[in-house]
Amino acid sequence: MTGTKQEFRGLKGLKKQRRIQVIVLSFVALGVATGLIGYAMRDGINFYRAPTEVVEKPPLPDEVFRIGGLVEAGSLKRGEGTTVSFTVTDTNKSVPVEFTGVLPDLFAEGQGMIALGQMRGNVFVAQEVLAKHDETYMPKEVMESLKEQGVYRDPVAKPGS
């Protein structure tokens, strides 16, 4: 009978060891899966930056990010073909932008916009430009940046309120 008790204890210890192995293996698999997802998404995540952030803390070379703010009045210049240049500002700092392509219909000076691209020297070279889609809309990131600067004006609010 003592042989069966020892076999039972050995079997119990084996179950415990197997359970620990399964738990450790599960954590390793979870870590590998998380790492692979992060690696796969590294190019798909584009951080938003206001012009002040870009000027004060320049991005890494070849880093793709989004910049947003207001198109500075008097800065829109049309080049050859579909190339345009303009300046985006958060009323504190400004960054020159170059874009080759068709601008959205509602793109205009003094209006909110967001562009995706990267810095080349001191110029932001945009791959894509997005503009507001109606009279009251402003991209959330742009609105928050302007509120931080203390210059946001609610387009729906009545003057003097």
Protein backbone atom coordinates (compact mmCIF):
# COMPACT_ATOMS: atom_id res chain seq x y z
CA MET A 1 0.00 0.00 0.00
CA THR A 2 2.92 2.33 0.56
CA GLY A 3 3.85 1.95 -3.08
CA THR A 4 0.50 3.32 -4.19
CA LYS A 5 0.77 6.35 -1.88
CA GLN A 6 4.19 7.18 -3.32
CA GLU A 7 2.85 6.73 -6.82
CA PHE A 8 -0.07 9.01 -5.94
CA ARG A 9 2.33 11.67 -4.53
CA GLY A 10 4.51 11.36 -7.60
CA LEU A 11 1.49 11.71 -9.83
CA LYS A 12 0.31 14.73 -7.82
CA GLY A 13 3.74 16.37 -8.14
CA LEU A 14 3.75 15.63 -11.87
CA LYS A 15 0.34 17.35 -12.29
CA LYS A 16 1.59 20.39 -10.39
CA GLN A 17 4.77 20.54 -12.49
CA ARG A 18 2.76 20.17 -15.71
CA ARG A 19 0.37 22.98 -14.60
CA ILE A 20 3.33 25.31 -13.93
CA GLN A 21 4.80 24.48 -17.34
CA VAL A 22 1.49 25.28 -19.06
CA ILE A 23 1.21 28.62 -17.22
CA VAL A 24 4.80 29.62 -18.05
CA LEU A 25 4.34 28.58 -21.68
CA SER A 26 1.11 30.62 -21.86
CA PHE A 27 2.89 33.75 -20.58
CA VAL A 28 5.73 33.26 -23.07
CA ALA A 29 3.22 32.84 -25.93
CA LEU A 30 1.34 35.96 -24.81
CA GLY A 31 4.58 37.96 -24.71
CA VAL A 32 5.61 36.78 -28.19
CA ALA A 33 2.15 37.56 -29.60
CA THR A 34 2.19 41.06 -28.07
CA GLY A 35 5.67 41.70 -29.47
CA LEU A 36 4.65 40.55 -32.96
CA ILE A 37 1.53 42.75 -32.93
CA GLY A 38 3.58 45.77 -31.82
CA TYR A 39 6.18 45.07 -34.51
CA ALA A 40 3.50 44.76 -37.19
CA MET A 41 1.81 48.02 -36.14
CA ARG A 42 4.96 50.14 -35.82
CA ASP A 43 4.44 51.73 -39.24
CA GLY A 44 0.68 52.08 -38.84
CA ILE A 45 0.79 54.32 -35.79
CA ASN A 46 1.16 57.99 -36.64
CA PHE A 47 1.37 60.38 -33.75
CA TYR A 48 -0.14 63.85 -33.88
CA ARG A 49 2.04 66.88 -33.21
CA ALA A 50 1.23 70.56 -33.08
CA PRO A 51 3.62 72.99 -34.81
CA THR A 52 4.98 74.14 -31.43
CA GLU A 53 5.94 70.54 -30.56
CA VAL A 54 7.60 70.05 -33.96
CA VAL A 55 9.69 73.21 -33.60
CA GLU A 56 10.63 72.69 -29.93
CA LYS A 57 11.31 68.95 -30.15
CA PRO A 58 12.09 67.99 -33.77
CA PRO A 59 11.03 64.47 -34.81
CA LEU A 60 13.48 61.74 -35.70
CA PRO A 61 14.70 61.64 -39.32
CA ASP A 62 12.24 59.77 -41.57
CA GLU A 63 9.61 59.63 -38.78
CA VAL A 64 6.10 59.73 -40.24
CA PHE A 65 3.63 61.71 -38.12
CA ARG A 66 0.58 63.95 -38.36
CA ILE A 67 0.79 67.71 -37.95
CA GLY A 68 -2.22 69.94 -37.57
CA GLY A 69 -3.29 73.47 -36.96
CA LEU A 70 -4.59 76.41 -38.90
CA VAL A 71 -3.43 77.30 -42.41
CA GLU A 72 -1.69 80.63 -41.92
CA ALA A 73 -3.31 83.52 -43.79
CA GLY A 74 -1.32 84.61 -46.85
CA SER A 75 0.90 81.53 -46.84
CA LEU A 76 -0.78 79.42 -49.54
CA LYS A 77 1.35 79.34 -52.71
CA ARG A 78 0.70 77.22 -55.76
CA GLY A 79 3.74 75.81 -57.55
CA GLU A 80 4.08 73.91 -60.79
CA GLY A 81 1.41 71.30 -61.44
CA THR A 82 -0.25 70.11 -58.27
CA THR A 83 2.50 71.23 -55.88
CA VAL A 84 1.43 73.67 -53.17
CA SER A 85 3.16 75.12 -50.16
CA PHE A 86 1.66 76.75 -47.11
CA THR A 87 2.37 77.28 -43.43
CA VAL A 88 0.52 75.52 -40.62
CA THR A 89 0.35 77.28 -37.26
CA ASP A 90 -1.06 76.81 -33.79
CA THR A 91 -0.73 80.61 -33.34
CA ASN A 92 2.42 80.06 -31.29
CA LYS A 93 4.84 78.50 -33.81
CA SER A 94 4.60 77.82 -37.54
CA VAL A 95 5.90 75.05 -39.79
CA PRO A 96 6.17 75.28 -43.60
CA VAL A 97 4.42 72.46 -45.47
CA GLU A 98 4.84 71.20 -49.05
CA PHE A 99 2.27 68.96 -50.68
CA THR A 100 2.00 67.49 -54.15
CA GLY A 101 -1.50 66.38 -54.97
CA VAL A 102 -5.05 67.61 -54.99
CA LEU A 103 -6.07 69.58 -51.91
CA PRO A 104 -9.51 68.96 -50.39
CA ASP A 105 -12.26 71.31 -51.65
CA LEU A 106 -12.73 72.94 -48.24
CA PHE A 107 -9.00 73.58 -47.73
CA ALA A 108 -8.50 77.31 -47.17
CA GLU A 109 -6.35 79.81 -45.32
CA GLY A 110 -7.40 80.33 -41.71
CA GLN A 111 -9.06 76.89 -41.57
CA GLY A 112 -8.13 73.78 -39.60
CA MET A 113 -6.23 70.96 -41.28
CA ILE A 114 -4.20 67.85 -40.54
CA ALA A 115 -1.42 66.49 -42.76
CA LEU A 116 0.41 63.17 -42.73
CA GLY A 117 4.07 63.13 -43.73
CA GLN A 118 7.58 63.73 -42.47
CA MET A 119 10.12 66.49 -41.96
CA ARG A 120 12.76 67.10 -44.62
CA GLY A 121 15.03 69.72 -43.15
CA ASN A 122 12.78 72.48 -41.84
CA VAL A 123 9.87 71.68 -44.18
CA PHE A 124 7.10 69.18 -43.51
CA VAL A 125 6.54 67.15 -46.71
CA ALA A 126 2.95 65.95 -46.66
CA GLN A 127 1.74 62.74 -48.27
CA GLU A 128 -1.90 63.45 -47.39
CA VAL A 129 -3.79 66.60 -46.38
CA LEU A 130 -7.17 66.57 -44.66
CA ALA A 131 -9.35 69.64 -44.13
CA LYS A 132 -12.49 70.36 -42.19
CA HIS A 133 -15.66 69.06 -43.78
CA ASP A 134 -18.15 71.78 -42.79
CA GLU A 135 -18.33 75.22 -41.24
CA THR A 136 -18.26 74.06 -37.60
CA TYR A 137 -15.96 71.02 -37.71
CA MET A 138 -12.36 71.16 -36.60
CA PRO A 139 -10.17 68.07 -36.07
CA LYS A 140 -10.10 67.09 -32.39
CA GLU A 141 -6.30 67.28 -32.14
CA VAL A 142 -6.22 70.76 -33.69
CA MET A 143 -8.98 71.99 -31.38
CA GLU A 144 -7.13 70.66 -28.30
CA SER A 145 -3.87 72.29 -29.44
CA LEU A 146 -5.60 75.63 -29.94
CA LYS A 147 -7.32 75.35 -26.55
CA GLU A 148 -3.91 74.72 -24.92
CA GLN A 149 -2.64 77.91 -26.60
CA GLY A 150 -5.71 79.78 -25.37
CA VAL A 151 -6.77 80.88 -28.86
CA TYR A 152 -9.60 78.46 -29.67
CA ARG A 153 -12.84 80.14 -30.76
CA ASP A 154 -15.99 78.00 -30.80
CA PRO A 155 -17.52 78.50 -34.27
CA VAL A 156 -21.02 77.76 -32.92
CA ALA A 157 -20.87 80.21 -29.99
CA LYS A 158 -22.44 83.59 -30.52
CA PRO A 159 -20.11 86.63 -30.35
CA GLY A 160 -19.91 88.16 -26.89
CA SER A 161 -20.99 84.99 -25.06
